[in-house]
Every structure is written in structure tokens, then in C-alpha cells.
Amino acid sequence: MSDTRIRPRFELEEPMARLEPAALPVPAAAGAPPGTLGLATGGVALLVLGFAALDAGNFVASQFARGAVLGWATLAVALGGFGLLGLAAWREVSGLVGLRRVDRLHAALADPVRARAAALAWLATLPDGAAVAEAVRVTNDPDAILALLRAGPVASLRARADQLGRAAALQVFTAAAAVPSPGLDGLLVGWRGVRLVRQIAELHGLRPGLFGTLALLRRVAFAAAGVVATDLAADVVTRTLLSNPILERLASDVAGAGVAARRMIVLARATAAACSPLPPA
């Protein structure tokens, strides 16, 4: 009786074991070829820039045929125009590379083996990083290295970011209270917020262009969820702003002014967290 009860169970377990998810092939994501949209965008860019360069070269050659002075002047204009386009492209690429460098430093600082080398590489890019670099060189504990970074350059950068955030909050607060218009308030907060993000990025050694700023804004949106005590900091700054009798009188008429100021403080903290390569404590 016991054999007849156990045998069907083993007969069911064997085929089920063959269908384990671990045995199924998993496609590798690394080294995947670009998608159709990427190929199409690259092809269009190559055609536009290539034909523009060929057309400009033919035009310069025809101008040289008319006269040397006219040809050299046309060549100078063409080189200047393409040079400015190349400089703009270089700045965009440099901004994106800078954001990727933050990701690499973040991963390296989280690795106990590479933490000291990554910390020294990051301190070399900071104006006041030399004071902490000597202490990092003689420290072998990865946790102690991160503590030195948080107490030194990270605290300094965060204080400067808070200062920029308070300045932006005061500007937005005053403008929103003086001109109580929902449409203008939205434009003002958006413009001042993007400028604040760029200022804090430059404070951390980044120079994001247009696409770099868009990528950084996406990072800031994710970092805002992990910023701790931002509501408390925003409340403290808002109460400080309201301690001015004139601003208190204005804020009593426009309730959205305090909300706009609060957003600048939270945005400053989130941007500083997104630009810092250190893992969260």
C-alpha cells in the first residue's frame, strides 16, 4: 500500500524538476545591438551632417574659384560654424560622460576593495579635496573612508547646495508672493528649478548640457524619494523666510509662495544626493 502511494508522487516530481526556471536560458542584456530607433537616428544624423559638410566643401571650393579673399572668408565662416557645432556636441558628450562617471564612482565606493582608489580619484576633482586625501591614503577601513568623505567634502558640498537652495527659495517665494498668478508661478518654479539643478551640478564638478540636464533631472526625481529629512529642512527654511515681517504679510495673501519655496529646498537636497557618488549612509 505504501509503494502505491509514494510512486505517483515521484512520477510527478521528476517532470516538474525539469521545468525549473533556473534551467531556462536567460538572454544576456550586455552587448545588445542598438534598436531600430537608435539606428534610424544615427543614420539621419550621419546623412544630415555628411551632406552638410560636403555641400559646404563644394561651396568653399566654388568661392575659391571666384577669388582667394572670398574663398578664405567662406572657409573661415564654415570652420567657425562647424566648430561651434562640434563644441556643443563635445559639451553634451562631456556632460553625459560626467554622469556616467558618478555611477562608476558610486559602484567603486560601495566595493571595499576599490573604495580607497575611488575616493582618491573623486577627491582629486574637488577644490578642497587635498585636505581629506592624506587621511584617506593612510586608512584601510572602507567604512572609515566613507565616514571621512561624508564628514569632509560631502558635508561641505551639502552646505553649499543648501545655500543655493535657500537663495532660490527666497527668490521664488518673493516672486510668487508679489505676482500671485498660477501660470507665472509654474513657469517661475520650473525655470528656477532647472537653474538650481545646473548650479548644484556645477558645484559637484559636472557640466551638463541639454541632454545631460534632462538625464540629471530624471536622476533627481529618483533621488528625491530617498532624501531623508527634506521635509524638516524645508519647514525650517520656510519658517525662517516667514520670520521677515514683509514676507509674512505677503505670504498671508498667497499660500502658494511657501509651497514654492519648499520645493526649491527639497530640489536642492535631491540634486545634491543625485550628484554625489557616495552610497547612502
Protein backbone atom coordinates (compact mmCIF):
# COMPACT_ATOMS: atom_id res chain seq x y z
CA MET A 1 0.00 0.00 0.00
CA SER A 2 2.80 2.39 0.86
CA ASP A 3 4.52 1.77 -2.51
CA THR A 4 1.41 2.60 -4.49
CA ARG A 5 1.01 5.88 -2.62
CA ILE A 6 4.63 7.05 -2.98
CA ARG A 7 5.25 6.09 -6.62
CA PRO A 8 2.82 8.61 -8.23
CA ARG A 9 4.39 11.40 -6.17
CA PHE A 10 7.85 10.65 -7.58
CA GLU A 11 6.46 10.36 -11.06
CA LEU A 12 5.10 13.93 -10.77
CA GLU A 13 8.18 15.42 -9.16
CA GLU A 14 10.58 14.35 -11.89
CA PRO A 15 8.95 16.16 -14.83
CA MET A 16 8.32 19.23 -12.64
CA ALA A 17 12.01 19.40 -11.78
CA ARG A 18 12.82 19.69 -15.45
CA LEU A 19 10.73 22.87 -15.68
CA GLU A 20 12.61 24.85 -13.04
CA PRO A 21 13.15 28.50 -14.03
CA ALA A 22 16.87 28.21 -13.33
CA ALA A 23 17.22 25.70 -16.14
CA LEU A 24 15.66 28.01 -18.69
CA PRO A 25 18.09 30.08 -20.82
CA VAL A 26 18.27 33.76 -19.88
CA PRO A 27 19.20 36.12 -22.68
CA ALA A 28 22.18 38.35 -21.87
CA ALA A 29 21.47 42.06 -21.89
CA ALA A 30 25.10 43.11 -22.15
CA GLY A 31 26.37 43.89 -25.60
CA ALA A 32 22.90 44.04 -27.12
CA PRO A 33 22.81 45.73 -30.54
CA PRO A 34 21.15 49.14 -30.83
CA GLY A 35 17.45 49.22 -31.52
CA THR A 36 15.68 50.34 -34.66
CA LEU A 37 15.15 53.86 -33.34
CA GLY A 38 18.82 54.23 -32.45
CA LEU A 39 19.94 53.04 -35.88
CA ALA A 40 17.48 55.34 -37.62
CA THR A 41 18.57 58.33 -35.54
CA GLY A 42 22.24 57.63 -36.24
CA GLY A 43 21.57 57.26 -39.96
CA VAL A 44 19.64 60.51 -40.19
CA ALA A 45 22.33 62.37 -38.23
CA LEU A 46 25.06 60.95 -40.47
CA LEU A 47 23.20 61.91 -43.63
CA VAL A 48 22.43 65.44 -42.45
CA LEU A 49 25.92 66.18 -41.17
CA GLY A 50 27.66 64.39 -44.02
CA PHE A 51 25.75 66.10 -46.81
CA ALA A 52 26.05 69.44 -44.98
CA ALA A 53 29.84 69.03 -44.81
CA LEU A 54 30.07 68.00 -48.48
CA ASP A 55 27.85 70.86 -49.55
CA ALA A 56 29.90 73.31 -47.50
CA GLY A 57 33.12 71.95 -49.02
CA ASN A 58 31.78 72.34 -52.56
CA PHE A 59 30.61 75.87 -51.78
CA VAL A 60 34.02 76.82 -50.34
CA ALA A 61 35.76 75.40 -53.43
CA SER A 62 33.49 77.40 -55.73
CA GLN A 63 34.20 80.56 -53.73
CA PHE A 64 37.95 79.97 -54.06
CA ALA A 65 37.42 79.74 -57.82
CA ARG A 66 35.91 83.23 -57.75
CA GLY A 67 38.65 84.76 -55.64
CA ALA A 68 41.16 83.99 -52.91
CA VAL A 69 39.80 86.52 -50.42
CA LEU A 70 36.22 85.33 -50.88
CA GLY A 71 37.32 81.72 -50.58
CA TRP A 72 39.25 82.24 -47.36
CA ALA A 73 36.37 84.21 -45.87
CA THR A 74 33.92 81.45 -46.75
CA LEU A 75 36.26 78.82 -45.33
CA ALA A 76 36.54 80.80 -42.06
CA VAL A 77 32.74 81.01 -41.77
CA ALA A 78 32.34 77.29 -42.48
CA LEU A 79 35.03 76.28 -40.00
CA GLY A 80 33.58 78.60 -37.35
CA GLY A 81 30.07 77.22 -37.79
CA PHE A 82 31.12 73.57 -37.73
CA GLY A 83 33.49 74.33 -34.87
CA LEU A 84 30.65 75.73 -32.76
CA LEU A 85 28.52 72.69 -33.56
CA GLY A 86 31.39 70.41 -32.60
CA LEU A 87 31.93 72.31 -29.34
CA ALA A 88 28.23 71.97 -28.50
CA ALA A 89 28.36 68.24 -29.23
CA TRP A 90 31.51 67.88 -27.12
CA ARG A 91 29.85 69.60 -24.17
CA GLU A 92 26.84 67.32 -24.43
CA VAL A 93 29.05 64.23 -24.54
CA SER A 94 31.18 65.52 -21.66
CA GLY A 95 28.08 66.12 -19.55
CA LEU A 96 26.79 62.62 -20.16
CA VAL A 97 30.23 61.13 -19.50
CA GLY A 98 30.36 63.04 -16.21
CA LEU A 99 27.08 61.48 -15.11
CA ARG A 100 28.36 58.03 -16.05
CA ARG A 101 31.49 58.75 -14.00
CA VAL A 102 29.30 59.39 -10.95
CA ASP A 103 27.75 55.95 -11.44
CA ARG A 104 31.17 54.30 -11.72
CA LEU A 105 32.42 56.05 -8.58
CA HIS A 106 29.24 55.06 -6.77
CA ALA A 107 29.83 51.39 -7.60
CA ALA A 108 33.53 51.61 -6.73
CA LEU A 109 32.95 53.29 -3.37
CA ALA A 110 30.48 50.55 -2.46
CA ASP A 111 33.20 47.94 -3.15
CA PRO A 112 35.56 47.51 -0.15
CA VAL A 113 38.47 46.64 -2.44
CA ARG A 114 38.18 49.72 -4.68
CA ALA A 115 36.87 52.22 -2.13
CA ARG A 116 40.15 53.97 -1.37
CA ALA A 117 41.22 54.35 -5.00
CA ALA A 118 37.78 55.64 -5.95
CA ALA A 119 37.78 58.08 -3.04
CA LEU A 120 41.17 59.48 -4.05
CA ALA A 121 40.03 59.79 -7.66
CA TRP A 122 36.94 61.74 -6.59
CA LEU A 123 38.85 63.97 -4.16
CA ALA A 124 41.25 64.90 -6.96
CA THR A 125 38.38 66.58 -8.80
CA LEU A 126 37.30 68.71 -5.81
CA PRO A 127 38.90 72.07 -4.98
CA ASP A 128 39.22 71.28 -1.25
CA GLY A 129 39.77 67.54 -1.59
CA ALA A 130 43.51 67.61 -0.86
CA ALA A 131 42.92 68.08 2.87
CA VAL A 132 40.99 64.80 3.13
CA ALA A 133 43.10 62.88 0.59
CA GLU A 134 46.02 62.46 3.00
CA ALA A 135 43.77 60.93 5.65
CA VAL A 136 42.18 58.61 3.08
CA ARG A 137 45.58 57.34 1.91
CA VAL A 138 46.50 56.06 5.36
CA THR A 139 43.09 54.50 6.03
CA ASN A 140 42.41 50.87 5.16
CA ASP A 141 38.89 50.53 6.55
CA PRO A 142 36.28 51.19 3.80
CA ASP A 143 33.70 52.35 6.33
CA ALA A 144 36.19 54.82 7.79
CA ILE A 145 36.93 56.14 4.30
CA LEU A 146 33.24 56.75 3.66
CA ALA A 147 32.94 58.43 7.05
CA LEU A 148 35.83 60.76 6.18
CA LEU A 149 34.18 61.65 2.88
CA ARG A 150 30.81 62.31 4.50
CA ALA A 151 32.32 64.46 7.24
CA GLY A 152 34.54 66.40 4.84
CA PRO A 153 33.69 67.11 1.19
CA VAL A 154 30.15 65.75 1.28
CA ALA A 155 29.19 67.94 4.22
CA SER A 156 30.79 70.96 2.56
CA LEU A 157 29.04 70.33 -0.75
CA ARG A 158 25.73 69.78 1.01
CA ALA A 159 26.10 73.07 2.91
CA ARG A 160 26.77 74.92 -0.34
CA ALA A 161 23.84 73.18 -2.01
CA ASP A 162 21.59 74.20 0.87
CA GLN A 163 22.79 77.77 0.48
CA LEU A 164 21.90 77.73 -3.21
CA GLY A 165 18.54 76.17 -2.36
CA ARG A 166 17.78 78.88 0.21
CA ALA A 167 18.65 81.60 -2.29
CA ALA A 168 16.39 80.02 -4.91
CA ALA A 169 13.62 79.55 -2.33
CA LEU A 170 13.80 83.21 -1.33
CA GLN A 171 13.64 84.34 -4.96
CA VAL A 172 10.72 82.07 -5.78
CA PHE A 173 8.95 82.96 -2.54
CA THR A 174 9.22 86.71 -3.16
CA ALA A 175 8.23 86.50 -6.81
CA ALA A 176 5.26 84.18 -6.13
CA ALA A 177 4.02 86.45 -3.35
CA ALA A 178 4.45 89.62 -5.39
CA VAL A 179 2.78 88.26 -8.55
CA PRO A 180 0.03 85.79 -7.47
CA SER A 181 -0.57 84.04 -10.78
CA PRO A 182 -0.71 80.22 -11.02
CA GLY A 183 0.59 80.21 -14.58
CA LEU A 184 3.53 82.50 -13.85
CA ASP A 185 4.26 80.61 -10.63
CA GLY A 186 4.60 77.36 -12.57
CA LEU A 187 6.93 78.92 -15.14
CA LEU A 188 8.99 80.59 -12.45
CA VAL A 189 9.36 77.43 -10.36
CA GLY A 190 10.27 75.39 -13.46
CA TRP A 191 12.86 77.86 -14.72
CA ARG A 192 14.42 78.45 -11.30
CA GLY A 193 14.39 74.74 -10.54
CA VAL A 194 16.32 73.86 -13.72
CA ARG A 195 18.81 76.62 -12.98
CA LEU A 196 19.23 75.35 -9.42
CA VAL A 197 19.89 71.82 -10.68
CA ARG A 198 22.58 73.09 -13.04
CA GLN A 199 24.18 75.19 -10.30
CA ILE A 200 24.43 72.27 -7.90
CA ALA A 201 25.72 70.02 -10.68
CA GLU A 202 28.48 72.52 -11.43
CA LEU A 203 29.21 72.65 -7.71
CA HIS A 204 29.94 68.90 -7.86
CA GLY A 205 32.20 69.27 -10.89
CA LEU A 206 29.61 68.37 -13.54
CA ARG A 207 28.89 70.44 -16.64
CA PRO A 208 25.64 69.04 -18.01
CA GLY A 209 24.34 70.27 -21.34
CA LEU A 210 20.79 69.96 -22.60
CA PHE A 211 20.63 66.17 -22.69
CA GLY A 212 22.78 65.93 -19.58
CA THR A 213 20.36 68.20 -17.73
CA LEU A 214 17.42 66.05 -18.79
CA ALA A 215 19.22 62.93 -17.60
CA LEU A 216 20.11 64.66 -14.34
CA LEU A 217 16.51 65.73 -13.79
CA ARG A 218 15.47 62.10 -14.10
CA ARG A 219 18.09 61.16 -11.52
CA VAL A 220 16.87 63.91 -9.22
CA ALA A 221 13.31 62.59 -9.48
CA PHE A 222 14.50 59.18 -8.27
CA ALA A 223 16.81 60.66 -5.62
CA ALA A 224 14.02 62.81 -4.18
CA ALA A 225 12.28 59.69 -2.87
CA GLY A 226 15.37 58.68 -0.90
CA VAL A 227 16.34 62.05 0.56
CA VAL A 228 15.90 61.88 4.33
CA ALA A 229 14.66 64.82 6.45
CA THR A 230 13.94 67.08 3.49
CA ASP A 231 10.50 67.94 4.82
CA LEU A 232 12.04 69.01 8.12
CA ALA A 233 14.67 71.09 6.35
CA ALA A 234 12.01 72.68 4.15
CA ASP A 235 9.85 73.52 7.18
CA VAL A 236 12.79 75.14 8.95
CA VAL A 237 13.70 77.23 5.92
CA THR A 238 10.09 78.21 5.32
CA ARG A 239 9.72 79.38 8.91
CA THR A 240 12.97 81.31 8.56
CA LEU A 241 11.66 83.04 5.46
CA LEU A 242 8.39 83.84 7.17
CA SER A 243 10.20 85.46 10.08
CA ASN A 244 10.59 88.54 7.91
CA PRO A 245 7.53 90.76 8.61
CA ILE A 246 7.24 91.91 4.99
CA LEU A 247 7.35 88.37 3.60
CA GLU A 248 4.95 87.20 6.29
CA ARG A 249 2.47 89.83 5.18
CA LEU A 250 2.86 88.77 1.57
CA ALA A 251 2.60 85.06 2.37
CA SER A 252 -0.68 85.62 4.18
CA ASP A 253 -2.16 86.64 0.84
CA VAL A 254 -0.53 83.95 -1.31
CA ALA A 255 -0.48 80.45 0.17
CA GLY A 256 1.43 79.00 -2.78
CA ALA A 257 4.52 81.09 -2.06
CA GLY A 258 5.55 78.88 0.86
CA VAL A 259 4.93 75.74 -1.19
CA ALA A 260 7.14 77.06 -4.00
CA ALA A 261 9.91 77.86 -1.54
CA ARG A 262 9.61 74.38 -0.03
CA ARG A 263 10.06 72.81 -3.46
CA MET A 264 13.36 74.63 -4.00
CA ILE A 265 14.77 73.31 -0.72
CA VAL A 266 13.71 69.74 -1.49
CA LEU A 267 15.06 70.06 -5.03
CA ALA A 268 18.43 71.29 -3.75
CA ARG A 269 18.75 68.32 -1.37
CA ALA A 270 17.67 65.81 -4.02
CA THR A 271 20.07 67.24 -6.61
CA ALA A 272 22.98 67.09 -4.17
CA ALA A 273 22.15 63.44 -3.47
CA ALA A 274 21.93 62.66 -7.20
CA CYS A 275 25.28 64.32 -7.96
CA SER A 276 27.15 62.71 -5.04
CA PRO A 277 28.89 59.39 -5.80
CA LEU A 278 28.69 58.23 -2.19
CA PRO A 279 26.22 55.43 -1.38
CA PRO A 280 23.53 56.36 1.16
CA ALA A 281 24.51 56.00 4.79
